[in-house]
Amino acid sequence: MVLLDEVTGRYWQLNGTATLILRPLPGGAPALMATAAARLLVTLKPHRIRRVLSLVRREAVPATVEQALTARRAVVAVSARCAGEGGLQRSVATALL
């Protein structure tokens, strides 16, 4: 199994353990990474979260309703916290994804 870095266009060969972890995840690695980043971001003060999200969204096109729902489902699938009461983390992870 390989993983594409969409920013650089490079491919990464995954080892057996990574393949076992990522294959069953509906959102795969991007959802997992967005959830991990969101976990760190939600510890910041609100104005800093806003600043980070503003920087991230530069030059991004708005998501369709279907894309937003797909991103939310992927985040909820990889994180028990986001599936439960982690509303802020879920929202930030969905926005990042």
C-alpha atoms as a PDB file:
ATOM      1  CA  MET A   1       0.000   0.000   0.000  1.00  0.00           C
ATOM      2  CA  VAL A   2       1.238   3.478  -0.826  1.00  0.00           C
ATOM      3  CA  LEU A   3       0.244   6.880   0.506  1.00  0.00           C
ATOM      4  CA  LEU A   4       0.217   9.975  -1.718  1.00  0.00           C
ATOM      5  CA  ASP A   5       1.350  13.284  -0.273  1.00  0.00           C
ATOM      6  CA  GLU A   6      -1.004  15.554  -2.201  1.00  0.00           C
ATOM      7  CA  VAL A   7       1.069  18.649  -1.469  1.00  0.00           C
ATOM      8  CA  THR A   8       4.404  17.411  -2.796  1.00  0.00           C
ATOM      9  CA  GLY A   9       3.145  14.680  -5.108  1.00  0.00           C
ATOM     10  CA  ARG A  10       5.455  12.119  -3.481  1.00  0.00           C
ATOM     11  CA  TYR A  11       4.402   8.553  -2.771  1.00  0.00           C
ATOM     12  CA  TRP A  12       5.279   6.753   0.462  1.00  0.00           C
ATOM     13  CA  GLN A  13       5.488   2.980   0.727  1.00  0.00           C
ATOM     14  CA  LEU A  14       3.704   1.897   3.909  1.00  0.00           C
ATOM     15  CA  ASN A  15       4.932  -0.979   6.017  1.00  0.00           C
ATOM     16  CA  GLY A  16       2.667  -3.839   7.093  1.00  0.00           C
ATOM     17  CA  THR A  17       1.658  -2.231  10.383  1.00  0.00           C
ATOM     18  CA  ALA A  18       0.642   1.056   8.773  1.00  0.00           C
ATOM     19  CA  THR A  19      -1.326  -0.831   6.136  1.00  0.00           C
ATOM     20  CA  LEU A  20      -3.219  -2.762   8.811  1.00  0.00           C
ATOM     21  CA  ILE A  21      -4.073   0.456  10.620  1.00  0.00           C
ATOM     22  CA  LEU A  22      -5.036   2.611   7.640  1.00  0.00           C
ATOM     23  CA  ARG A  23      -6.846   0.115   5.401  1.00  0.00           C
ATOM     24  CA  PRO A  24      -9.957  -0.290   7.602  1.00  0.00           C
ATOM     25  CA  LEU A  25     -10.337   3.444   8.223  1.00  0.00           C
ATOM     26  CA  PRO A  26     -13.010   4.980   5.969  1.00  0.00           C
ATOM     27  CA  GLY A  27     -11.250   8.352   6.014  1.00  0.00           C
ATOM     28  CA  GLY A  28      -7.792   6.820   5.979  1.00  0.00           C
ATOM     29  CA  ALA A  29      -4.724   8.781   6.901  1.00  0.00           C
ATOM     30  CA  PRO A  30      -6.014  12.289   6.083  1.00  0.00           C
ATOM     31  CA  ALA A  31      -8.858  11.986   8.602  1.00  0.00           C
ATOM     32  CA  LEU A  32      -6.498  10.593  11.219  1.00  0.00           C
ATOM     33  CA  MET A  33      -4.019  13.433  10.682  1.00  0.00           C
ATOM     34  CA  ALA A  34      -6.757  16.086  10.716  1.00  0.00           C
ATOM     35  CA  THR A  35      -8.117  14.661  13.964  1.00  0.00           C
ATOM     36  CA  ALA A  36      -4.665  14.639  15.567  1.00  0.00           C
ATOM     37  CA  ALA A  37      -4.000  18.228  14.470  1.00  0.00           C
ATOM     38  CA  ALA A  38      -7.417  19.302  15.743  1.00  0.00           C
ATOM     39  CA  ARG A  39      -6.691  17.708  19.119  1.00  0.00           C
ATOM     40  CA  LEU A  40      -3.703  20.034  19.470  1.00  0.00           C
ATOM     41  CA  LEU A  41      -5.468  23.093  18.071  1.00  0.00           C
ATOM     42  CA  VAL A  42      -8.416  22.921  20.468  1.00  0.00           C
ATOM     43  CA  THR A  43      -6.028  23.482  23.370  1.00  0.00           C
ATOM     44  CA  LEU A  44      -5.319  26.988  22.021  1.00  0.00           C
ATOM     45  CA  LYS A  45      -7.239  30.142  22.846  1.00  0.00           C
ATOM     46  CA  PRO A  46     -10.157  30.847  20.481  1.00  0.00           C
ATOM     47  CA  HIS A  47      -8.450  33.738  18.689  1.00  0.00           C
ATOM     48  CA  ARG A  48      -5.446  31.545  17.935  1.00  0.00           C
ATOM     49  CA  ILE A  49      -7.652  28.741  16.596  1.00  0.00           C
ATOM     50  CA  ARG A  50      -9.316  31.280  14.330  1.00  0.00           C
ATOM     51  CA  ARG A  51      -5.943  32.565  13.133  1.00  0.00           C
ATOM     52  CA  VAL A  52      -4.703  29.058  12.312  1.00  0.00           C
ATOM     53  CA  LEU A  53      -7.902  28.132  10.476  1.00  0.00           C
ATOM     54  CA  SER A  54      -7.779  31.402   8.550  1.00  0.00           C
ATOM     55  CA  LEU A  55      -4.253  30.620   7.404  1.00  0.00           C
ATOM     56  CA  VAL A  56      -5.180  27.064   6.442  1.00  0.00           C
ATOM     57  CA  ARG A  57      -8.188  28.099   4.378  1.00  0.00           C
ATOM     58  CA  ARG A  58      -6.319  30.557   2.156  1.00  0.00           C
ATOM     59  CA  GLU A  59      -6.826  29.661  -1.498  1.00  0.00           C
ATOM     60  CA  ALA A  60      -9.104  26.765  -0.532  1.00  0.00           C
ATOM     61  CA  VAL A  61     -12.370  26.377  -2.393  1.00  0.00           C
ATOM     62  CA  PRO A  62     -15.561  26.005  -0.345  1.00  0.00           C
ATOM     63  CA  ALA A  63     -16.664  22.415   0.205  1.00  0.00           C
ATOM     64  CA  THR A  64     -19.933  21.128  -1.110  1.00  0.00           C
ATOM     65  CA  VAL A  65     -22.484  19.773   1.344  1.00  0.00           C
ATOM     66  CA  GLU A  66     -21.562  16.229   0.276  1.00  0.00           C
ATOM     67  CA  GLN A  67     -17.829  16.875   0.790  1.00  0.00           C
ATOM     68  CA  ALA A  68     -18.470  18.341   4.243  1.00  0.00           C
ATOM     69  CA  LEU A  69     -20.610  15.363   5.257  1.00  0.00           C
ATOM     70  CA  THR A  70     -17.997  12.934   3.942  1.00  0.00           C
ATOM     71  CA  ALA A  71     -15.277  14.730   5.905  1.00  0.00           C
ATOM     72  CA  ARG A  72     -17.382  14.711   9.085  1.00  0.00           C
ATOM     73  CA  ARG A  73     -18.140  10.993   8.725  1.00  0.00           C
ATOM     74  CA  ALA A  74     -14.442  10.239   8.208  1.00  0.00           C
ATOM     75  CA  VAL A  75     -13.467  12.219  11.313  1.00  0.00           C
ATOM     76  CA  VAL A  76     -16.128  10.517  13.433  1.00  0.00           C
ATOM     77  CA  ALA A  77     -15.006   7.109  12.120  1.00  0.00           C
ATOM     78  CA  VAL A  78     -11.405   7.548  13.285  1.00  0.00           C
ATOM     79  CA  SER A  79     -11.963   9.287  16.621  1.00  0.00           C
ATOM     80  CA  ALA A  80     -14.114   8.181  19.536  1.00  0.00           C
ATOM     81  CA  ARG A  81     -13.750  11.641  21.062  1.00  0.00           C
ATOM     82  CA  CYS A  82     -15.023  13.322  17.884  1.00  0.00           C
ATOM     83  CA  ALA A  83     -17.857  10.796  17.682  1.00  0.00           C
ATOM     84  CA  GLY A  84     -18.879  11.686  21.228  1.00  0.00           C
ATOM     85  CA  GLU A  85     -18.668  14.977  23.051  1.00  0.00           C
ATOM     86  CA  GLY A  86     -15.635  16.443  21.274  1.00  0.00           C
ATOM     87  CA  GLY A  87     -17.700  18.927  19.290  1.00  0.00           C
ATOM     88  CA  LEU A  88     -15.012  21.572  18.885  1.00  0.00           C
ATOM     89  CA  GLN A  89     -12.372  19.005  17.930  1.00  0.00           C
ATOM     90  CA  ARG A  90     -14.822  17.394  15.487  1.00  0.00           C
ATOM     91  CA  SER A  91     -15.570  20.763  13.879  1.00  0.00           C
ATOM     92  CA  VAL A  92     -11.918  21.750  13.594  1.00  0.00           C
ATOM     93  CA  ALA A  93     -10.907  18.346  12.203  1.00  0.00           C
ATOM     94  CA  THR A  94     -13.734  18.480   9.658  1.00  0.00           C
ATOM     95  CA  ALA A  95     -12.660  21.968   8.584  1.00  0.00           C
ATOM     96  CA  LEU A  96      -9.047  20.835   8.223  1.00  0.00           C
ATOM     97  CA  LEU A  97     -10.028  17.821   6.200  1.00  0.00           C
END
